[in-house]
Amino acid sequence: MPLTEDLRQKIITYIEEHPSAMTSQIARTLDVPEVEILRAQEGLNCWELRAADFQDIVHEFEHMGKCHVFCTNRYAVLETFGEFGGFSVTGPFFNVQTETIDMHIRYEGIHSIFCLEKLGHFDRKPTYSVQFYSPEGDAVFKVFLSRPGPDEDYKQEQLDGYHKINSTYRLNQ
């Protein structure tokens, strides 16, 4: 389903009424692919990145310390906190293998990547994430900056890393 101006406005209105709603919940409520929720916010608090730079973008996470990683499918969500590193490519898989994260990503299935800044759904504090989507518009995985504690701010190197990704790998730049 292409993003029409009517659909974009419907999504923006929903987000204005529910500013801390998760993108997956918004997509289910409005019956659209999740990637369209991000496309509707393009330039507001969301920026599309060049999917061809997938490996370079993931390598940037190595310098950002502990991250909060979500992997999803239609039936489950897996969350973990860990640090990126131990990168390799084996056949169709881009691998991340550290003591805290062990991921094997079919990188050819990464069709869209976005940086998103929004309020968290638990504490309504700002969140910063890089989100990876399939050709069908489903989330493959998401990487959020992780605060050291609930009442603590992000570390400066995390914010610097996020902003570097957002400025260096932006689509149409």
N, C-alpha and C. Protein backbone atom coordinates (compact mmCIF):
# COMPACT_ATOMS: atom_id res chain seq x y z
N MET A 1 0.85 -1.18 0.00
CA MET A 1 0.00 0.00 0.00
C MET A 1 0.89 1.24 0.00
N PRO A 2 0.86 2.03 -1.08
CA PRO A 2 1.68 3.24 -1.12
C PRO A 2 1.15 4.28 -0.13
N LEU A 3 2.04 5.11 0.33
CA LEU A 3 1.68 6.12 1.32
C LEU A 3 1.05 7.32 0.61
N THR A 4 -0.26 7.39 0.66
CA THR A 4 -0.98 8.54 0.10
C THR A 4 -0.96 9.67 1.12
N GLU A 5 -1.31 10.86 0.67
CA GLU A 5 -1.36 12.00 1.59
C GLU A 5 -2.45 11.79 2.65
N ASP A 6 -3.57 11.17 2.26
CA ASP A 6 -4.64 10.90 3.23
C ASP A 6 -4.16 9.93 4.31
N LEU A 7 -3.47 8.86 3.89
CA LEU A 7 -2.96 7.90 4.86
C LEU A 7 -1.90 8.54 5.74
N ARG A 8 -1.03 9.33 5.14
CA ARG A 8 0.01 10.02 5.92
C ARG A 8 -0.65 10.87 7.00
N GLN A 9 -1.66 11.62 6.63
CA GLN A 9 -2.33 12.50 7.60
C GLN A 9 -3.03 11.68 8.69
N LYS A 10 -3.61 10.56 8.33
CA LYS A 10 -4.26 9.68 9.30
C LYS A 10 -3.24 9.17 10.32
N ILE A 11 -2.06 8.79 9.83
CA ILE A 11 -0.99 8.30 10.71
C ILE A 11 -0.50 9.41 11.63
N ILE A 12 -0.25 10.59 11.06
CA ILE A 12 0.24 11.73 11.86
C ILE A 12 -0.78 12.10 12.92
N THR A 13 -2.04 12.13 12.58
CA THR A 13 -3.09 12.45 13.55
C THR A 13 -3.10 11.43 14.69
N TYR A 14 -2.99 10.15 14.34
CA TYR A 14 -2.96 9.11 15.36
C TYR A 14 -1.77 9.31 16.30
N ILE A 15 -0.62 9.61 15.73
CA ILE A 15 0.59 9.82 16.54
C ILE A 15 0.44 11.05 17.43
N GLU A 16 -0.17 12.10 16.91
CA GLU A 16 -0.39 13.30 17.73
C GLU A 16 -1.30 12.99 18.91
N GLU A 17 -2.26 12.11 18.71
CA GLU A 17 -3.19 11.73 19.78
C GLU A 17 -2.59 10.69 20.73
N HIS A 18 -1.59 9.93 20.25
CA HIS A 18 -0.95 8.87 21.03
C HIS A 18 0.57 8.96 20.84
N PRO A 19 1.21 10.02 21.35
CA PRO A 19 2.62 10.27 21.03
C PRO A 19 3.61 9.21 21.50
N SER A 20 3.24 8.38 22.47
CA SER A 20 4.19 7.36 22.92
C SER A 20 3.81 5.97 22.43
N ALA A 21 2.86 5.87 21.51
CA ALA A 21 2.47 4.56 20.97
C ALA A 21 3.62 3.94 20.19
N MET A 22 3.75 2.63 20.30
CA MET A 22 4.77 1.91 19.55
C MET A 22 4.37 1.85 18.07
N THR A 23 5.36 1.92 17.19
CA THR A 23 5.07 1.90 15.76
C THR A 23 4.34 0.62 15.36
N SER A 24 4.69 -0.49 15.98
CA SER A 24 4.01 -1.76 15.65
C SER A 24 2.53 -1.70 16.03
N GLN A 25 2.22 -1.08 17.16
CA GLN A 25 0.82 -0.95 17.58
C GLN A 25 0.04 -0.03 16.63
N ILE A 26 0.67 1.05 16.23
CA ILE A 26 0.01 1.97 15.31
C ILE A 26 -0.29 1.26 14.00
N ALA A 27 0.67 0.49 13.50
CA ALA A 27 0.49 -0.23 12.24
C ALA A 27 -0.67 -1.22 12.34
N ARG A 28 -0.74 -1.95 13.45
CA ARG A 28 -1.85 -2.90 13.63
C ARG A 28 -3.19 -2.17 13.73
N THR A 29 -3.22 -1.09 14.47
CA THR A 29 -4.46 -0.33 14.64
C THR A 29 -4.96 0.21 13.31
N LEU A 30 -4.05 0.73 12.49
CA LEU A 30 -4.44 1.35 11.22
C LEU A 30 -4.39 0.36 10.05
N ASP A 31 -3.97 -0.87 10.32
CA ASP A 31 -3.92 -1.93 9.31
C ASP A 31 -3.05 -1.55 8.11
N VAL A 32 -1.83 -1.12 8.44
CA VAL A 32 -0.85 -0.78 7.39
C VAL A 32 0.49 -1.42 7.75
N PRO A 33 1.37 -1.63 6.77
CA PRO A 33 2.71 -2.12 7.09
C PRO A 33 3.42 -1.14 8.02
N GLU A 34 4.17 -1.68 8.96
CA GLU A 34 4.83 -0.82 9.95
C GLU A 34 5.74 0.22 9.32
N VAL A 35 6.40 -0.13 8.23
CA VAL A 35 7.32 0.82 7.60
C VAL A 35 6.60 2.10 7.18
N GLU A 36 5.30 2.02 6.87
CA GLU A 36 4.56 3.21 6.47
C GLU A 36 4.39 4.19 7.63
N ILE A 37 4.39 3.67 8.86
CA ILE A 37 4.31 4.55 10.03
C ILE A 37 5.55 5.44 10.08
N LEU A 38 6.70 4.87 9.75
CA LEU A 38 7.93 5.67 9.74
C LEU A 38 7.96 6.61 8.54
N ARG A 39 7.57 6.11 7.37
CA ARG A 39 7.57 6.97 6.17
C ARG A 39 6.69 8.20 6.37
N ALA A 40 5.58 8.04 7.08
CA ALA A 40 4.68 9.17 7.32
C ALA A 40 5.33 10.26 8.16
N GLN A 41 6.33 9.88 8.96
CA GLN A 41 6.99 10.83 9.85
C GLN A 41 8.28 11.39 9.25
N GLU A 42 8.59 10.98 8.03
CA GLU A 42 9.83 11.39 7.36
C GLU A 42 10.01 12.90 7.45
N GLY A 43 11.17 13.31 7.96
CA GLY A 43 11.49 14.73 8.07
C GLY A 43 10.98 15.40 9.33
N LEU A 44 10.06 14.76 10.03
CA LEU A 44 9.55 15.32 11.28
C LEU A 44 10.42 14.86 12.44
N ASN A 45 10.43 13.57 12.69
CA ASN A 45 11.26 12.98 13.73
C ASN A 45 11.82 11.64 13.26
N CYS A 46 11.83 11.45 11.94
CA CYS A 46 12.23 10.18 11.36
C CYS A 46 12.92 10.46 10.03
N TRP A 47 14.00 9.73 9.78
CA TRP A 47 14.77 9.94 8.56
C TRP A 47 15.15 8.59 7.98
N GLU A 48 14.91 8.42 6.68
CA GLU A 48 15.29 7.17 6.03
C GLU A 48 16.77 7.18 5.70
N LEU A 49 17.39 6.04 5.92
CA LEU A 49 18.81 5.86 5.64
C LEU A 49 18.98 5.00 4.39
N ARG A 50 20.20 4.98 3.86
CA ARG A 50 20.49 4.17 2.67
C ARG A 50 20.64 2.70 3.07
N ALA A 51 19.73 1.87 2.61
CA ALA A 51 19.77 0.45 2.95
C ALA A 51 21.03 -0.22 2.42
N ALA A 52 21.59 0.30 1.34
CA ALA A 52 22.83 -0.27 0.79
C ALA A 52 23.99 -0.14 1.78
N ASP A 53 23.87 0.75 2.75
CA ASP A 53 24.92 0.95 3.75
C ASP A 53 24.66 0.15 5.02
N PHE A 54 23.82 -0.87 4.93
CA PHE A 54 23.43 -1.68 6.09
C PHE A 54 24.63 -2.08 6.95
N GLN A 55 25.64 -2.70 6.35
CA GLN A 55 26.76 -3.20 7.15
C GLN A 55 27.51 -2.07 7.83
N ASP A 56 27.73 -0.98 7.13
CA ASP A 56 28.43 0.16 7.74
C ASP A 56 27.63 0.72 8.92
N ILE A 57 26.32 0.79 8.75
CA ILE A 57 25.46 1.31 9.83
C ILE A 57 25.57 0.40 11.05
N VAL A 58 25.47 -0.91 10.86
CA VAL A 58 25.54 -1.83 12.00
C VAL A 58 26.92 -1.76 12.65
N HIS A 59 27.97 -1.59 11.87
CA HIS A 59 29.31 -1.44 12.45
C HIS A 59 29.39 -0.23 13.38
N GLU A 60 28.64 0.83 13.09
CA GLU A 60 28.65 2.03 13.94
C GLU A 60 28.16 1.72 15.36
N PHE A 61 27.28 0.74 15.52
CA PHE A 61 26.76 0.40 16.85
C PHE A 61 27.86 -0.07 17.79
N GLU A 62 28.94 -0.58 17.24
CA GLU A 62 30.03 -1.09 18.06
C GLU A 62 30.61 0.00 18.97
N HIS A 63 30.50 1.24 18.54
CA HIS A 63 31.09 2.37 19.30
C HIS A 63 30.08 3.04 20.22
N MET A 64 28.88 2.45 20.34
CA MET A 64 27.81 3.11 21.09
C MET A 64 27.50 2.43 22.42
N GLY A 65 28.32 1.47 22.82
CA GLY A 65 28.09 0.81 24.10
C GLY A 65 26.87 -0.09 24.07
N LYS A 66 26.29 -0.28 25.24
CA LYS A 66 25.15 -1.19 25.36
C LYS A 66 23.93 -0.61 24.65
N CYS A 67 23.29 -1.44 23.84
CA CYS A 67 22.08 -1.06 23.11
C CYS A 67 20.95 -2.01 23.50
N HIS A 68 19.75 -1.59 23.24
CA HIS A 68 18.54 -2.39 23.47
C HIS A 68 18.08 -2.86 22.10
N VAL A 69 18.10 -4.16 21.86
CA VAL A 69 17.81 -4.71 20.54
C VAL A 69 16.51 -5.50 20.59
N PHE A 70 15.66 -5.26 19.59
CA PHE A 70 14.39 -5.97 19.43
C PHE A 70 14.42 -6.72 18.11
N CYS A 71 14.06 -7.98 18.12
CA CYS A 71 13.82 -8.75 16.90
C CYS A 71 12.38 -9.22 16.98
N THR A 72 11.65 -9.06 15.89
CA THR A 72 10.23 -9.37 15.93
C THR A 72 9.82 -10.25 14.76
N ASN A 73 8.75 -10.94 14.96
CA ASN A 73 8.01 -11.57 13.88
C ASN A 73 6.54 -11.48 14.25
N ARG A 74 5.69 -12.13 13.52
CA ARG A 74 4.25 -11.99 13.78
C ARG A 74 3.84 -12.54 15.13
N TYR A 75 4.64 -13.43 15.71
CA TYR A 75 4.21 -14.15 16.90
C TYR A 75 5.04 -13.92 18.16
N ALA A 76 6.17 -13.25 18.02
CA ALA A 76 7.03 -13.06 19.19
C ALA A 76 7.89 -11.81 19.03
N VAL A 77 8.31 -11.30 20.16
CA VAL A 77 9.29 -10.21 20.21
C VAL A 77 10.40 -10.66 21.15
N LEU A 78 11.62 -10.56 20.69
CA LEU A 78 12.76 -10.89 21.52
C LEU A 78 13.51 -9.60 21.80
N GLU A 79 13.74 -9.30 23.07
CA GLU A 79 14.48 -8.11 23.47
C GLU A 79 15.75 -8.55 24.17
N THR A 80 16.82 -7.83 23.91
CA THR A 80 18.06 -8.08 24.62
C THR A 80 18.84 -6.78 24.75
N PHE A 81 19.67 -6.72 25.75
CA PHE A 81 20.59 -5.60 25.92
C PHE A 81 21.99 -6.15 25.66
N GLY A 82 22.75 -5.45 24.85
CA GLY A 82 24.09 -5.94 24.59
C GLY A 82 24.90 -4.98 23.76
N GLU A 83 26.13 -5.40 23.50
CA GLU A 83 27.06 -4.59 22.72
C GLU A 83 27.34 -5.28 21.40
N PHE A 84 27.45 -4.48 20.36
CA PHE A 84 27.72 -5.00 19.02
C PHE A 84 29.21 -5.20 18.80
N GLY A 85 29.55 -6.15 17.96
CA GLY A 85 30.93 -6.44 17.59
C GLY A 85 30.99 -7.83 16.97
N GLY A 86 32.21 -8.34 16.78
CA GLY A 86 32.40 -9.67 16.23
C GLY A 86 31.70 -9.86 14.90
N PHE A 87 31.84 -8.90 14.01
CA PHE A 87 31.12 -8.91 12.74
C PHE A 87 31.77 -9.86 11.74
N SER A 88 30.93 -10.53 10.96
CA SER A 88 31.40 -11.37 9.86
C SER A 88 30.25 -11.59 8.90
N VAL A 89 30.59 -12.07 7.72
CA VAL A 89 29.59 -12.44 6.73
C VAL A 89 29.82 -13.89 6.36
N THR A 90 28.76 -14.69 6.45
CA THR A 90 28.82 -16.10 6.07
C THR A 90 27.62 -16.38 5.18
N GLY A 91 27.87 -16.60 3.90
CA GLY A 91 26.77 -16.84 2.97
C GLY A 91 25.81 -15.66 3.01
N PRO A 92 24.52 -15.94 3.20
CA PRO A 92 23.54 -14.85 3.18
C PRO A 92 23.41 -14.11 4.51
N PHE A 93 24.27 -14.43 5.49
CA PHE A 93 24.12 -13.86 6.82
C PHE A 93 25.21 -12.84 7.15
N PHE A 94 24.77 -11.72 7.72
CA PHE A 94 25.68 -10.78 8.37
C PHE A 94 25.58 -11.12 9.85
N ASN A 95 26.70 -11.43 10.47
CA ASN A 95 26.72 -11.93 11.84
C ASN A 95 27.23 -10.88 12.83
N VAL A 96 26.60 -10.84 13.98
CA VAL A 96 27.03 -10.04 15.12
C VAL A 96 27.19 -11.04 16.26
N GLN A 97 28.42 -11.22 16.73
CA GLN A 97 28.65 -12.23 17.75
C GLN A 97 29.57 -11.71 18.84
N THR A 98 28.92 -11.36 19.97
CA THR A 98 29.65 -10.94 21.15
C THR A 98 29.13 -11.77 22.32
N GLU A 99 29.64 -11.51 23.51
CA GLU A 99 29.14 -12.24 24.68
C GLU A 99 27.68 -11.90 24.98
N THR A 100 27.20 -10.74 24.51
CA THR A 100 25.85 -10.32 24.86
C THR A 100 24.86 -10.33 23.70
N ILE A 101 25.34 -10.39 22.46
CA ILE A 101 24.46 -10.43 21.28
C ILE A 101 24.99 -11.49 20.32
N ASP A 102 24.10 -12.33 19.86
CA ASP A 102 24.42 -13.33 18.84
C ASP A 102 23.31 -13.28 17.80
N MET A 103 23.55 -12.52 16.72
CA MET A 103 22.54 -12.32 15.67
C MET A 103 23.09 -12.78 14.33
N HIS A 104 22.22 -13.34 13.53
CA HIS A 104 22.55 -13.74 12.17
C HIS A 104 21.46 -13.15 11.28
N ILE A 105 21.82 -12.14 10.53
CA ILE A 105 20.83 -11.33 9.81
C ILE A 105 20.95 -11.61 8.31
N ARG A 106 19.85 -11.99 7.70
CA ARG A 106 19.82 -12.14 6.24
C ARG A 106 19.79 -10.73 5.65
N TYR A 107 20.99 -10.20 5.45
CA TYR A 107 21.12 -8.78 5.12
C TYR A 107 20.51 -8.40 3.78
N GLU A 108 20.39 -9.34 2.86
CA GLU A 108 19.76 -9.00 1.57
C GLU A 108 18.27 -8.71 1.74
N GLY A 109 17.69 -9.08 2.89
CA GLY A 109 16.29 -8.80 3.16
C GLY A 109 16.06 -7.46 3.84
N ILE A 110 17.13 -6.70 4.05
CA ILE A 110 16.98 -5.36 4.64
C ILE A 110 16.69 -4.40 3.49
N HIS A 111 15.48 -3.91 3.45
CA HIS A 111 15.03 -3.08 2.34
C HIS A 111 14.99 -1.59 2.70
N SER A 112 14.69 -1.30 3.97
CA SER A 112 14.59 0.09 4.43
C SER A 112 15.17 0.20 5.83
N ILE A 113 15.80 1.33 6.10
CA ILE A 113 16.37 1.61 7.42
C ILE A 113 15.99 3.04 7.79
N PHE A 114 15.62 3.23 9.05
CA PHE A 114 15.21 4.55 9.52
C PHE A 114 15.84 4.87 10.87
N CYS A 115 16.15 6.15 11.09
CA CYS A 115 16.42 6.68 12.41
C CYS A 115 15.11 7.30 12.89
N LEU A 116 14.72 6.98 14.12
CA LEU A 116 13.45 7.48 14.67
C LEU A 116 13.70 8.03 16.06
N GLU A 117 13.17 9.22 16.32
CA GLU A 117 13.20 9.84 17.64
C GLU A 117 11.77 10.03 18.08
N LYS A 118 11.41 9.44 19.22
CA LYS A 118 10.03 9.55 19.72
C LYS A 118 10.02 9.38 21.23
N LEU A 119 8.87 9.60 21.82
CA LEU A 119 8.71 9.38 23.26
C LEU A 119 8.56 7.89 23.53
N GLY A 120 9.18 7.43 24.61
CA GLY A 120 9.06 6.03 25.00
C GLY A 120 7.66 5.71 25.48
N HIS A 121 7.22 4.49 25.25
CA HIS A 121 5.85 4.12 25.64
C HIS A 121 5.71 3.84 27.13
N PHE A 122 6.81 3.65 27.85
CA PHE A 122 6.71 3.43 29.30
C PHE A 122 6.85 4.74 30.07
N ASP A 123 7.95 5.44 29.83
CA ASP A 123 8.26 6.62 30.65
C ASP A 123 8.08 7.95 29.92
N ARG A 124 7.73 7.89 28.66
CA ARG A 124 7.52 9.08 27.83
C ARG A 124 8.75 9.98 27.76
N LYS A 125 9.92 9.38 27.94
CA LYS A 125 11.18 10.10 27.75
C LYS A 125 11.64 9.86 26.31
N PRO A 126 12.46 10.76 25.78
CA PRO A 126 12.90 10.61 24.39
C PRO A 126 13.64 9.28 24.17
N THR A 127 13.35 8.65 23.03
CA THR A 127 14.09 7.45 22.62
C THR A 127 14.71 7.72 21.25
N TYR A 128 15.79 7.02 21.00
CA TYR A 128 16.52 7.13 19.73
C TYR A 128 16.74 5.71 19.23
N SER A 129 16.30 5.45 17.99
CA SER A 129 16.46 4.09 17.47
C SER A 129 16.83 4.12 16.00
N VAL A 130 17.42 3.00 15.58
CA VAL A 130 17.66 2.72 14.16
C VAL A 130 16.88 1.44 13.89
N GLN A 131 15.99 1.50 12.89
CA GLN A 131 15.06 0.41 12.65
C GLN A 131 15.22 -0.13 11.24
N PHE A 132 15.19 -1.45 11.12
CA PHE A 132 15.48 -2.14 9.87
C PHE A 132 14.23 -2.90 9.41
N TYR A 133 13.86 -2.72 8.13
CA TYR A 133 12.61 -3.27 7.61
C TYR A 133 12.81 -4.14 6.37
N SER A 134 11.92 -5.12 6.25
CA SER A 134 11.91 -6.06 5.12
C SER A 134 11.23 -5.41 3.91
N PRO A 135 11.33 -6.05 2.74
CA PRO A 135 10.62 -5.53 1.56
C PRO A 135 9.11 -5.46 1.75
N GLU A 136 8.57 -6.30 2.62
CA GLU A 136 7.13 -6.29 2.89
C GLU A 136 6.72 -5.20 3.87
N GLY A 137 7.69 -4.51 4.45
CA GLY A 137 7.39 -3.43 5.39
C GLY A 137 7.34 -3.86 6.84
N ASP A 138 7.78 -5.10 7.12
CA ASP A 138 7.80 -5.60 8.50
C ASP A 138 9.14 -5.27 9.15
N ALA A 139 9.10 -5.01 10.46
CA ALA A 139 10.35 -4.77 11.20
C ALA A 139 11.15 -6.06 11.24
N VAL A 140 12.42 -5.98 10.91
CA VAL A 140 13.33 -7.12 11.03
C VAL A 140 13.99 -7.05 12.40
N PHE A 141 14.57 -5.90 12.71
CA PHE A 141 15.08 -5.66 14.06
C PHE A 141 15.22 -4.16 14.27
N LYS A 142 15.30 -3.79 15.54
CA LYS A 142 15.41 -2.39 15.93
C LYS A 142 16.50 -2.28 16.98
N VAL A 143 17.28 -1.22 16.90
CA VAL A 143 18.34 -0.97 17.87
C VAL A 143 18.06 0.38 18.52
N PHE A 144 17.84 0.35 19.83
CA PHE A 144 17.58 1.56 20.60
C PHE A 144 18.80 1.89 21.46
N LEU A 145 19.08 3.17 21.60
CA LEU A 145 20.07 3.57 22.59
C LEU A 145 19.53 3.15 23.95
N SER A 146 20.43 2.77 24.82
CA SER A 146 20.04 2.29 26.15
C SER A 146 20.59 3.24 27.21
N ARG A 147 19.70 3.79 28.03
CA ARG A 147 20.13 4.65 29.13
C ARG A 147 20.76 3.79 30.22
N PRO A 148 21.77 4.30 30.92
CA PRO A 148 22.39 3.53 32.01
C PRO A 148 21.40 3.17 33.12
N GLY A 149 20.41 4.02 33.37
CA GLY A 149 19.40 3.77 34.40
C GLY A 149 18.15 4.54 34.05
N PRO A 150 17.03 4.23 34.69
CA PRO A 150 15.76 4.85 34.32
C PRO A 150 15.73 6.37 34.48
N ASP A 151 16.49 6.91 35.42
CA ASP A 151 16.50 8.35 35.63
C ASP A 151 17.79 9.01 35.13
N GLU A 152 18.55 8.27 34.33
CA GLU A 152 19.81 8.79 33.81
C GLU A 152 19.66 9.15 32.34
N ASP A 153 20.51 10.07 31.90
CA ASP A 153 20.52 10.47 30.50
C ASP A 153 21.37 9.50 29.69
N TYR A 154 21.20 9.56 28.38
CA TYR A 154 22.04 8.77 27.49
C TYR A 154 23.48 9.24 27.62
N LYS A 155 24.41 8.34 27.39
CA LYS A 155 25.81 8.72 27.37
C LYS A 155 26.08 9.51 26.10
N GLN A 156 26.99 10.46 26.19
CA GLN A 156 27.27 11.34 25.05
C GLN A 156 27.76 10.53 23.84
N GLU A 157 28.56 9.48 24.06
CA GLU A 157 29.05 8.71 22.91
C GLU A 157 27.91 7.98 22.19
N GLN A 158 26.84 7.64 22.93
CA GLN A 158 25.68 7.03 22.28
C GLN A 158 24.97 8.04 21.38
N LEU A 159 24.72 9.23 21.94
CA LEU A 159 24.05 10.27 21.14
C LEU A 159 24.90 10.67 19.94
N ASP A 160 26.21 10.79 20.16
CA ASP A 160 27.10 11.14 19.05
C ASP A 160 27.05 10.07 17.96
N GLY A 161 27.04 8.79 18.36
CA GLY A 161 26.97 7.69 17.40
C GLY A 161 25.66 7.70 16.63
N TYR A 162 24.57 7.90 17.34
CA TYR A 162 23.26 7.96 16.70
C TYR A 162 23.23 9.11 15.68
N HIS A 163 23.66 10.29 16.08
CA HIS A 163 23.62 11.45 15.19
C HIS A 163 24.58 11.28 14.00
N LYS A 164 25.68 10.57 14.22
CA LYS A 164 26.60 10.28 13.11
C LYS A 164 25.90 9.38 12.09
N ILE A 165 25.23 8.34 12.55
CA ILE A 165 24.50 7.46 11.64
C ILE A 165 23.44 8.26 10.88
N ASN A 166 22.69 9.07 11.62
CA ASN A 166 21.60 9.83 11.02
C ASN A 166 22.09 10.84 9.99
N SER A 167 23.22 11.42 10.21
CA SER A 167 23.71 12.43 9.26
C SER A 167 24.54 11.81 8.13
N THR A 168 25.27 10.75 8.40
CA THR A 168 26.17 10.16 7.40
C THR A 168 25.43 9.30 6.39
N TYR A 169 24.43 8.57 6.81
CA TYR A 169 23.81 7.55 5.95
C TYR A 169 22.41 7.92 5.46
N ARG A 170 22.03 9.16 5.59
CA ARG A 170 20.68 9.56 5.16
C ARG A 170 20.47 9.36 3.67
N LEU A 171 19.29 8.87 3.35
CA LEU A 171 18.90 8.68 1.96
C LEU A 171 18.72 10.05 1.31
N ASN A 172 19.04 10.15 0.04
CA ASN A 172 18.87 11.39 -0.73
C ASN A 172 19.67 12.54 -0.15
N GLN A 173 20.86 12.24 0.32
CA GLN A 173 21.71 13.31 0.86
C GLN A 173 23.02 13.31 0.15
